[in-house]
Amino acid sequence: MQHTMILGILVFDRIKEAGMTQKVLSAHAGVIRTRLGFHELSDKVCSRVGTIVLVLQGDPEQWKELEEDLSAIGGVEIKKMTFDYLFR
């Protein structure tokens, strides 16, 4: 059985929380297969709110640790999707 988890992370204040968020993501880099980050940027505004999408691989116990470490950061909201499938 193969397992994939997708985490959606909303960072409410990128300026305040970006450093700690980056530290946690770096510490758990071994289970992150894909990482996409988005925030609004224009000539007039650079949004303080950011969104990160992670596709996780490997040990589901390590995914739980990553989620717990991210949840410990103030100003972060996490949503998740899990997929379990047979690889043929």
PDB file of N, CA and C in Angstrom:
ATOM      1  N   MET A   1       0.853  -1.185   0.000  1.00  0.00           N
ATOM      2  CA  MET A   1       0.000   0.000   0.000  1.00  0.00           C
ATOM      3  C   MET A   1       0.896   1.244   0.000  1.00  0.00           C
ATOM      4  N   GLN A   2       0.595   2.164  -0.870  1.00  0.00           N
ATOM      5  CA  GLN A   2       1.307   3.442  -0.940  1.00  0.00           C
ATOM      6  C   GLN A   2       0.479   4.511  -0.224  1.00  0.00           C
ATOM      7  N   HIS A   3       1.149   5.492   0.319  1.00  0.00           N
ATOM      8  CA  HIS A   3       0.484   6.564   1.054  1.00  0.00           C
ATOM      9  C   HIS A   3       1.037   7.904   0.589  1.00  0.00           C
ATOM     10  N   THR A   4       0.148   8.851   0.379  1.00  0.00           N
ATOM     11  CA  THR A   4       0.533  10.220   0.036  1.00  0.00           C
ATOM     12  C   THR A   4      -0.312  11.155   0.881  1.00  0.00           C
ATOM     13  N   MET A   5       0.307  12.199   1.389  1.00  0.00           N
ATOM     14  CA  MET A   5      -0.438  13.228   2.109  1.00  0.00           C
ATOM     15  C   MET A   5      -0.119  14.578   1.477  1.00  0.00           C
ATOM     16  N   ILE A   6      -1.151  15.385   1.349  1.00  0.00           N
ATOM     17  CA  ILE A   6      -0.982  16.764   0.891  1.00  0.00           C
ATOM     18  C   ILE A   6      -1.386  17.665   2.047  1.00  0.00           C
ATOM     19  N   LEU A   7      -0.465  18.549   2.437  1.00  0.00           N
ATOM     20  CA  LEU A   7      -0.755  19.533   3.485  1.00  0.00           C
ATOM     21  C   LEU A   7      -0.922  20.898   2.846  1.00  0.00           C
ATOM     22  N   GLY A   8      -1.979  21.578   3.196  1.00  0.00           N
ATOM     23  CA  GLY A   8      -2.178  22.978   2.833  1.00  0.00           C
ATOM     24  C   GLY A   8      -1.923  23.807   4.077  1.00  0.00           C
ATOM     25  N   ILE A   9      -1.024  24.768   3.981  1.00  0.00           N
ATOM     26  CA  ILE A   9      -0.638  25.570   5.146  1.00  0.00           C
ATOM     27  C   ILE A   9      -0.931  27.038   4.837  1.00  0.00           C
ATOM     28  N   LEU A  10      -1.692  27.678   5.713  1.00  0.00           N
ATOM     29  CA  LEU A  10      -1.950  29.106   5.595  1.00  0.00           C
ATOM     30  C   LEU A  10      -1.148  29.806   6.683  1.00  0.00           C
ATOM     31  N   VAL A  11      -0.258  30.681   6.272  1.00  0.00           N
ATOM     32  CA  VAL A  11       0.561  31.450   7.210  1.00  0.00           C
ATOM     33  C   VAL A  11      -0.048  32.847   7.258  1.00  0.00           C
ATOM     34  N   PHE A  12      -0.605  33.210   8.403  1.00  0.00           N
ATOM     35  CA  PHE A  12      -1.339  34.468   8.518  1.00  0.00           C
ATOM     36  C   PHE A  12      -0.442  35.699   8.486  1.00  0.00           C
ATOM     37  N   ASP A  13       0.788  35.586   8.958  1.00  0.00           N
ATOM     38  CA  ASP A  13       1.707  36.721   8.961  1.00  0.00           C
ATOM     39  C   ASP A  13       3.093  36.240   8.533  1.00  0.00           C
ATOM     40  N   ARG A  14       3.340  36.263   7.217  1.00  0.00           N
ATOM     41  CA  ARG A  14       4.600  35.761   6.679  1.00  0.00           C
ATOM     42  C   ARG A  14       5.811  36.463   7.287  1.00  0.00           C
ATOM     43  N   ILE A  15       5.705  37.748   7.513  1.00  0.00           N
ATOM     44  CA  ILE A  15       6.838  38.503   8.037  1.00  0.00           C
ATOM     45  C   ILE A  15       7.209  38.000   9.429  1.00  0.00           C
ATOM     46  N   LYS A  16       6.205  37.714  10.238  1.00  0.00           N
ATOM     47  CA  LYS A  16       6.442  37.254  11.605  1.00  0.00           C
ATOM     48  C   LYS A  16       6.784  35.769  11.673  1.00  0.00           C
ATOM     49  N   GLU A  17       6.117  34.935  10.882  1.00  0.00           N
ATOM     50  CA  GLU A  17       6.207  33.479  11.025  1.00  0.00           C
ATOM     51  C   GLU A  17       7.101  32.782   9.996  1.00  0.00           C
ATOM     52  N   ALA A  18       7.591  33.484   8.991  1.00  0.00           N
ATOM     53  CA  ALA A  18       8.343  32.836   7.911  1.00  0.00           C
ATOM     54  C   ALA A  18       9.602  32.132   8.412  1.00  0.00           C
ATOM     55  N   GLY A  19      10.331  32.737   9.310  1.00  0.00           N
ATOM     56  CA  GLY A  19      11.577  32.149   9.800  1.00  0.00           C
ATOM     57  C   GLY A  19      11.353  30.823  10.503  1.00  0.00           C
ATOM     58  N   MET A  20      10.394  30.767  11.395  1.00  0.00           N
ATOM     59  CA  MET A  20      10.115  29.539  12.122  1.00  0.00           C
ATOM     60  C   MET A  20       9.516  28.480  11.198  1.00  0.00           C
ATOM     61  N   THR A  21       8.659  28.905  10.284  1.00  0.00           N
ATOM     62  CA  THR A  21       8.075  27.970   9.326  1.00  0.00           C
ATOM     63  C   THR A  21       9.169  27.336   8.472  1.00  0.00           C
ATOM     64  N   GLN A  22      10.094  28.147   7.997  1.00  0.00           N
ATOM     65  CA  GLN A  22      11.201  27.637   7.188  1.00  0.00           C
ATOM     66  C   GLN A  22      12.061  26.652   7.986  1.00  0.00           C
ATOM     67  N   LYS A  23      12.305  26.962   9.241  1.00  0.00           N
ATOM     68  CA  LYS A  23      13.088  26.072  10.104  1.00  0.00           C
ATOM     69  C   LYS A  23      12.437  24.698  10.222  1.00  0.00           C
ATOM     70  N   VAL A  24      11.121  24.678  10.447  1.00  0.00           N
ATOM     71  CA  VAL A  24      10.388  23.417  10.583  1.00  0.00           C
ATOM     72  C   VAL A  24      10.421  22.646   9.260  1.00  0.00           C
ATOM     73  N   LEU A  25      10.179  23.330   8.146  1.00  0.00           N
ATOM     74  CA  LEU A  25      10.181  22.653   6.850  1.00  0.00           C
ATOM     75  C   LEU A  25      11.564  22.084   6.533  1.00  0.00           C
ATOM     76  N   SER A  26      12.607  22.808   6.859  1.00  0.00           N
ATOM     77  CA  SER A  26      13.968  22.311   6.626  1.00  0.00           C
ATOM     78  C   SER A  26      14.273  21.089   7.489  1.00  0.00           C
ATOM     79  N   ALA A  27      13.804  21.110   8.731  1.00  0.00           N
ATOM     80  CA  ALA A  27      14.045  19.984   9.637  1.00  0.00           C
ATOM     81  C   ALA A  27      13.348  18.708   9.157  1.00  0.00           C
ATOM     82  N   HIS A  28      12.273  18.858   8.397  1.00  0.00           N
ATOM     83  CA  HIS A  28      11.500  17.711   7.918  1.00  0.00           C
ATOM     84  C   HIS A  28      11.622  17.538   6.403  1.00  0.00           C
ATOM     85  N   ALA A  29      12.673  18.063   5.816  1.00  0.00           N
ATOM     86  CA  ALA A  29      12.838  18.038   4.358  1.00  0.00           C
ATOM     87  C   ALA A  29      12.820  16.624   3.783  1.00  0.00           C
ATOM     88  N   GLY A  30      13.212  15.636   4.564  1.00  0.00           N
ATOM     89  CA  GLY A  30      13.277  14.263   4.087  1.00  0.00           C
ATOM     90  C   GLY A  30      11.941  13.656   3.701  1.00  0.00           C
ATOM     91  N   VAL A  31      10.837  14.203   4.199  1.00  0.00           N
ATOM     92  CA  VAL A  31       9.523  13.665   3.854  1.00  0.00           C
ATOM     93  C   VAL A  31       8.756  14.575   2.896  1.00  0.00           C
ATOM     94  N   ILE A  32       9.343  15.694   2.522  1.00  0.00           N
ATOM     95  CA  ILE A  32       8.673  16.633   1.615  1.00  0.00           C
ATOM     96  C   ILE A  32       9.109  16.335   0.180  1.00  0.00           C
ATOM     97  N   ARG A  33       8.155  15.840  -0.617  1.00  0.00           N
ATOM     98  CA  ARG A  33       8.452  15.537  -2.021  1.00  0.00           C
ATOM     99  C   ARG A  33       8.308  16.784  -2.887  1.00  0.00           C
ATOM    100  N   THR A  34       7.273  17.587  -2.598  1.00  0.00           N
ATOM    101  CA  THR A  34       7.011  18.800  -3.384  1.00  0.00           C
ATOM    102  C   THR A  34       6.589  19.909  -2.434  1.00  0.00           C
ATOM    103  N   ARG A  35       7.069  21.110  -2.735  1.00  0.00           N
ATOM    104  CA  ARG A  35       6.715  22.277  -1.917  1.00  0.00           C
ATOM    105  C   ARG A  35       6.431  23.443  -2.845  1.00  0.00           C
ATOM    106  N   LEU A  36       5.236  24.022  -2.711  1.00  0.00           N
ATOM    107  CA  LEU A  36       4.849  25.193  -3.492  1.00  0.00           C
ATOM    108  C   LEU A  36       4.417  26.290  -2.530  1.00  0.00           C
ATOM    109  N   GLY A  37       4.921  27.480  -2.732  1.00  0.00           N
ATOM    110  CA  GLY A  37       4.548  28.601  -1.880  1.00  0.00           C
ATOM    111  C   GLY A  37       3.990  29.748  -2.696  1.00  0.00           C
ATOM    112  N   PHE A  38       2.953  30.406  -2.178  1.00  0.00           N
ATOM    113  CA  PHE A  38       2.284  31.485  -2.889  1.00  0.00           C
ATOM    114  C   PHE A  38       1.991  32.648  -1.943  1.00  0.00           C
ATOM    115  N   HIS A  39       2.119  33.852  -2.443  1.00  0.00           N
ATOM    116  CA  HIS A  39       1.605  35.033  -1.757  1.00  0.00           C
ATOM    117  C   HIS A  39       1.392  36.114  -2.793  1.00  0.00           C
ATOM    118  N   GLU A  40       0.469  37.010  -2.497  1.00  0.00           N
ATOM    119  CA  GLU A  40       0.147  38.079  -3.436  1.00  0.00           C
ATOM    120  C   GLU A  40       1.293  39.087  -3.478  1.00  0.00           C
ATOM    121  N   LEU A  41       1.656  39.452  -4.684  1.00  0.00           N
ATOM    122  CA  LEU A  41       2.750  40.402  -4.872  1.00  0.00           C
ATOM    123  C   LEU A  41       2.401  41.315  -6.038  1.00  0.00           C
ATOM    124  N   SER A  42       2.497  42.621  -5.815  1.00  0.00           N
ATOM    125  CA  SER A  42       2.277  43.595  -6.879  1.00  0.00           C
ATOM    126  C   SER A  42       3.157  44.805  -6.595  1.00  0.00           C
ATOM    127  N   ASP A  43       3.067  45.802  -7.450  1.00  0.00           N
ATOM    128  CA  ASP A  43       3.838  47.026  -7.240  1.00  0.00           C
ATOM    129  C   ASP A  43       3.438  47.737  -5.956  1.00  0.00           C
ATOM    130  N   LYS A  44       2.188  47.529  -5.506  1.00  0.00           N
ATOM    131  CA  LYS A  44       1.673  48.263  -4.358  1.00  0.00           C
ATOM    132  C   LYS A  44       1.597  47.453  -3.076  1.00  0.00           C
ATOM    133  N   VAL A  45       1.604  46.122  -3.182  1.00  0.00           N
ATOM    134  CA  VAL A  45       1.402  45.321  -1.976  1.00  0.00           C
ATOM    135  C   VAL A  45       2.184  44.005  -2.058  1.00  0.00           C
ATOM    136  N   CYS A  46       2.708  43.607  -0.924  1.00  0.00           N
ATOM    137  CA  CYS A  46       3.285  42.281  -0.751  1.00  0.00           C
ATOM    138  C   CYS A  46       2.536  41.693   0.444  1.00  0.00           C
ATOM    139  N   SER A  47       1.634  40.786   0.157  1.00  0.00           N
ATOM    140  CA  SER A  47       0.730  40.272   1.170  1.00  0.00           C
ATOM    141  C   SER A  47       1.473  39.643   2.345  1.00  0.00           C
ATOM    142  N   ARG A  48       0.958  39.865   3.529  1.00  0.00           N
ATOM    143  CA  ARG A  48       1.506  39.229   4.727  1.00  0.00           C
ATOM    144  C   ARG A  48       1.021  37.792   4.865  1.00  0.00           C
ATOM    145  N   VAL A  49      -0.051  37.446   4.131  1.00  0.00           N
ATOM    146  CA  VAL A  49      -0.603  36.091   4.181  1.00  0.00           C
ATOM    147  C   VAL A  49       0.026  35.257   3.075  1.00  0.00           C
ATOM    148  N   GLY A  50       0.443  34.050   3.422  1.00  0.00           N
ATOM    149  CA  GLY A  50       1.031  33.151   2.436  1.00  0.00           C
ATOM    150  C   GLY A  50       0.409  31.774   2.521  1.00  0.00           C
ATOM    151  N   THR A  51       0.446  31.061   1.416  1.00  0.00           N
ATOM    152  CA  THR A  51      -0.073  29.706   1.349  1.00  0.00           C
ATOM    153  C   THR A  51       1.047  28.784   0.879  1.00  0.00           C
ATOM    154  N   ILE A  52       1.172  27.633   1.531  1.00  0.00           N
ATOM    155  CA  ILE A  52       2.165  26.632   1.155  1.00  0.00           C
ATOM    156  C   ILE A  52       1.441  25.313   0.938  1.00  0.00           C
ATOM    157  N   VAL A  53       1.788  24.626  -0.143  1.00  0.00           N
ATOM    158  CA  VAL A  53       1.252  23.292  -0.412  1.00  0.00           C
ATOM    159  C   VAL A  53       2.423  22.319  -0.376  1.00  0.00           C
ATOM    160  N   LEU A  54       2.303  21.271   0.445  1.00  0.00           N
ATOM    161  CA  LEU A  54       3.329  20.243   0.560  1.00  0.00           C
ATOM    162  C   LEU A  54       2.765  18.896   0.140  1.00  0.00           C
ATOM    163  N   VAL A  55       3.531  18.150  -0.639  1.00  0.00           N
ATOM    164  CA  VAL A  55       3.216  16.754  -0.927  1.00  0.00           C
ATOM    165  C   VAL A  55       4.252  15.936  -0.166  1.00  0.00           C
ATOM    166  N   LEU A  56       3.766  15.074   0.722  1.00  0.00           N
ATOM    167  CA  LEU A  56       4.649  14.316   1.604  1.00  0.00           C
ATOM    168  C   LEU A  56       4.814  12.882   1.130  1.00  0.00           C
ATOM    169  N   GLN A  57       5.988  12.338   1.384  1.00  0.00           N
ATOM    170  CA  GLN A  57       6.295  10.941   1.066  1.00  0.00           C
ATOM    171  C   GLN A  57       6.956  10.307   2.279  1.00  0.00           C
ATOM    172  N   GLY A  58       7.145   9.003   2.252  1.00  0.00           N
ATOM    173  CA  GLY A  58       7.865   8.336   3.330  1.00  0.00           C
ATOM    174  C   GLY A  58       6.982   7.906   4.481  1.00  0.00           C
ATOM    175  N   ASP A  59       7.533   7.982   5.669  1.00  0.00           N
ATOM    176  CA  ASP A  59       6.925   7.448   6.888  1.00  0.00           C
ATOM    177  C   ASP A  59       5.796   8.341   7.412  1.00  0.00           C
ATOM    178  N   PRO A  60       4.561   7.823   7.495  1.00  0.00           N
ATOM    179  CA  PRO A  60       3.448   8.609   8.029  1.00  0.00           C
ATOM    180  C   PRO A  60       3.680   9.110   9.460  1.00  0.00           C
ATOM    181  N   GLU A  61       4.480   8.416  10.256  1.00  0.00           N
ATOM    182  CA  GLU A  61       4.789   8.909  11.603  1.00  0.00           C
ATOM    183  C   GLU A  61       5.584  10.217  11.534  1.00  0.00           C
ATOM    184  N   GLN A  62       6.452  10.327  10.550  1.00  0.00           N
ATOM    185  CA  GLN A  62       7.215  11.571  10.371  1.00  0.00           C
ATOM    186  C   GLN A  62       6.317  12.691   9.862  1.00  0.00           C
ATOM    187  N   TRP A  63       5.280  12.347   9.094  1.00  0.00           N
ATOM    188  CA  TRP A  63       4.313  13.356   8.661  1.00  0.00           C
ATOM    189  C   TRP A  63       3.623  13.952   9.874  1.00  0.00           C
ATOM    190  N   LYS A  64       3.281  13.081  10.821  1.00  0.00           N
ATOM    191  CA  LYS A  64       2.611  13.540  12.044  1.00  0.00           C
ATOM    192  C   LYS A  64       3.507  14.491  12.828  1.00  0.00           C
ATOM    193  N   GLU A  65       4.796  14.170  12.908  1.00  0.00           N
ATOM    194  CA  GLU A  65       5.749  15.051  13.599  1.00  0.00           C
ATOM    195  C   GLU A  65       5.835  16.411  12.908  1.00  0.00           C
ATOM    196  N   LEU A  66       5.882  16.406  11.580  1.00  0.00           N
ATOM    197  CA  LEU A  66       5.905  17.659  10.825  1.00  0.00           C
ATOM    198  C   LEU A  66       4.656  18.477  11.125  1.00  0.00           C
ATOM    199  N   GLU A  67       3.505  17.830  11.079  1.00  0.00           N
ATOM    200  CA  GLU A  67       2.246  18.523  11.355  1.00  0.00           C
ATOM    201  C   GLU A  67       2.221  19.104  12.771  1.00  0.00           C
ATOM    202  N   GLU A  68       2.705  18.347  13.745  1.00  0.00           N
ATOM    203  CA  GLU A  68       2.753  18.832  15.125  1.00  0.00           C
ATOM    204  C   GLU A  68       3.687  20.029  15.260  1.00  0.00           C
ATOM    205  N   ASP A  69       4.843  19.963  14.603  1.00  0.00           N
ATOM    206  CA  ASP A  69       5.792  21.085  14.673  1.00  0.00           C
ATOM    207  C   ASP A  69       5.230  22.335  14.003  1.00  0.00           C
ATOM    208  N   LEU A  70       4.540  22.160  12.877  1.00  0.00           N
ATOM    209  CA  LEU A  70       3.920  23.318  12.215  1.00  0.00           C
ATOM    210  C   LEU A  70       2.793  23.885  13.068  1.00  0.00           C
ATOM    211  N   SER A  71       2.008  23.009  13.697  1.00  0.00           N
ATOM    212  CA  SER A  71       0.887  23.456  14.534  1.00  0.00           C
ATOM    213  C   SER A  71       1.354  24.249  15.744  1.00  0.00           C
ATOM    214  N   ALA A  72       2.590  24.006  16.176  1.00  0.00           N
ATOM    215  CA  ALA A  72       3.131  24.722  17.336  1.00  0.00           C
ATOM    216  C   ALA A  72       3.478  26.168  17.008  1.00  0.00           C
ATOM    217  N   ILE A  73       3.524  26.498  15.727  1.00  0.00           N
ATOM    218  CA  ILE A  73       3.822  27.880  15.310  1.00  0.00           C
ATOM    219  C   ILE A  73       2.526  28.676  15.390  1.00  0.00           C
ATOM    220  N   GLY A  74       2.553  29.803  16.069  1.00  0.00           N
ATOM    221  CA  GLY A  74       1.375  30.666  16.106  1.00  0.00           C
ATOM    222  C   GLY A  74       1.118  31.241  14.731  1.00  0.00           C
ATOM    223  N   GLY A  75      -0.140  31.413  14.366  1.00  0.00           N
ATOM    224  CA  GLY A  75      -0.463  32.047  13.090  1.00  0.00           C
ATOM    225  C   GLY A  75      -0.362  31.129  11.889  1.00  0.00           C
ATOM    226  N   VAL A  76      -0.496  29.827  12.107  1.00  0.00           N
ATOM    227  CA  VAL A  76      -0.458  28.860  11.011  1.00  0.00           C
ATOM    228  C   VAL A  76      -1.693  27.973  11.107  1.00  0.00           C
ATOM    229  N   GLU A  77      -2.366  27.782   9.979  1.00  0.00           N
ATOM    230  CA  GLU A  77      -3.505  26.864   9.907  1.00  0.00           C
ATOM    231  C   GLU A  77      -3.167  25.769   8.906  1.00  0.00           C
ATOM    232  N   ILE A  78      -3.525  24.524   9.217  1.00  0.00           N
ATOM    233  CA  ILE A  78      -3.181  23.379   8.379  1.00  0.00           C
ATOM    234  C   ILE A  78      -4.440  22.619   7.989  1.00  0.00           C
ATOM    235  N   LYS A  79      -4.526  22.268   6.732  1.00  0.00           N
ATOM    236  CA  LYS A  79      -5.565  21.368   6.222  1.00  0.00           C
ATOM    237  C   LYS A  79      -4.834  20.226   5.530  1.00  0.00           C
ATOM    238  N   LYS A  80      -5.432  19.032   5.534  1.00  0.00           N
ATOM    239  CA  LYS A  80      -4.732  17.912   4.916  1.00  0.00           C
ATOM    240  C   LYS A  80      -5.654  16.995   4.139  1.00  0.00           C
ATOM    241  N   MET A  81      -5.045  16.331   3.141  1.00  0.00           N
ATOM    242  CA  MET A  81      -5.696  15.292   2.358  1.00  0.00           C
ATOM    243  C   MET A  81      -4.780  14.082   2.375  1.00  0.00           C
ATOM    244  N   THR A  82      -5.348  12.895   2.528  1.00  0.00           N
ATOM    245  CA  THR A  82      -4.540  11.685   2.493  1.00  0.00           C
ATOM    246  C   THR A  82      -5.067  10.753   1.410  1.00  0.00           C
ATOM    247  N   PHE A  83      -4.133  10.050   0.785  1.00  0.00           N
ATOM    248  CA  PHE A  83      -4.457   9.084  -0.253  1.00  0.00           C
ATOM    249  C   PHE A  83      -3.745   7.788   0.064  1.00  0.00           C
ATOM    250  N   ASP A  84      -4.463   6.689   0.063  1.00  0.00           N
ATOM    251  CA  ASP A  84      -3.911   5.350   0.242  1.00  0.00           C
ATOM    252  C   ASP A  84      -4.293   4.555  -1.000  1.00  0.00           C
ATOM    253  N   TYR A  85      -3.306   3.924  -1.636  1.00  0.00           N
ATOM    254  CA  TYR A  85      -3.578   3.241  -2.893  1.00  0.00           C
ATOM    255  C   TYR A  85      -2.588   2.098  -3.108  1.00  0.00           C
ATOM    256  N   LEU A  86      -3.000   1.184  -3.948  1.00  0.00           N
ATOM    257  CA  LEU A  86      -2.118   0.092  -4.342  1.00  0.00           C
ATOM    258  C   LEU A  86      -1.320   0.528  -5.559  1.00  0.00           C
ATOM    259  N   PHE A  87      -0.031   0.326  -5.507  1.00  0.00           N
ATOM    260  CA  PHE A  87       0.839   0.667  -6.629  1.00  0.00           C
ATOM    261  C   PHE A  87       0.969  -0.564  -7.506  1.00  0.00           C
ATOM    262  N   ARG A  88       0.537  -0.461  -8.730  1.00  0.00           N
ATOM    263  CA  ARG A  88       0.565  -1.612  -9.630  1.00  0.00           C
ATOM    264  C   ARG A  88       1.564  -1.424 -10.731  1.00  0.00           C
TER     265      ARG A  88
END
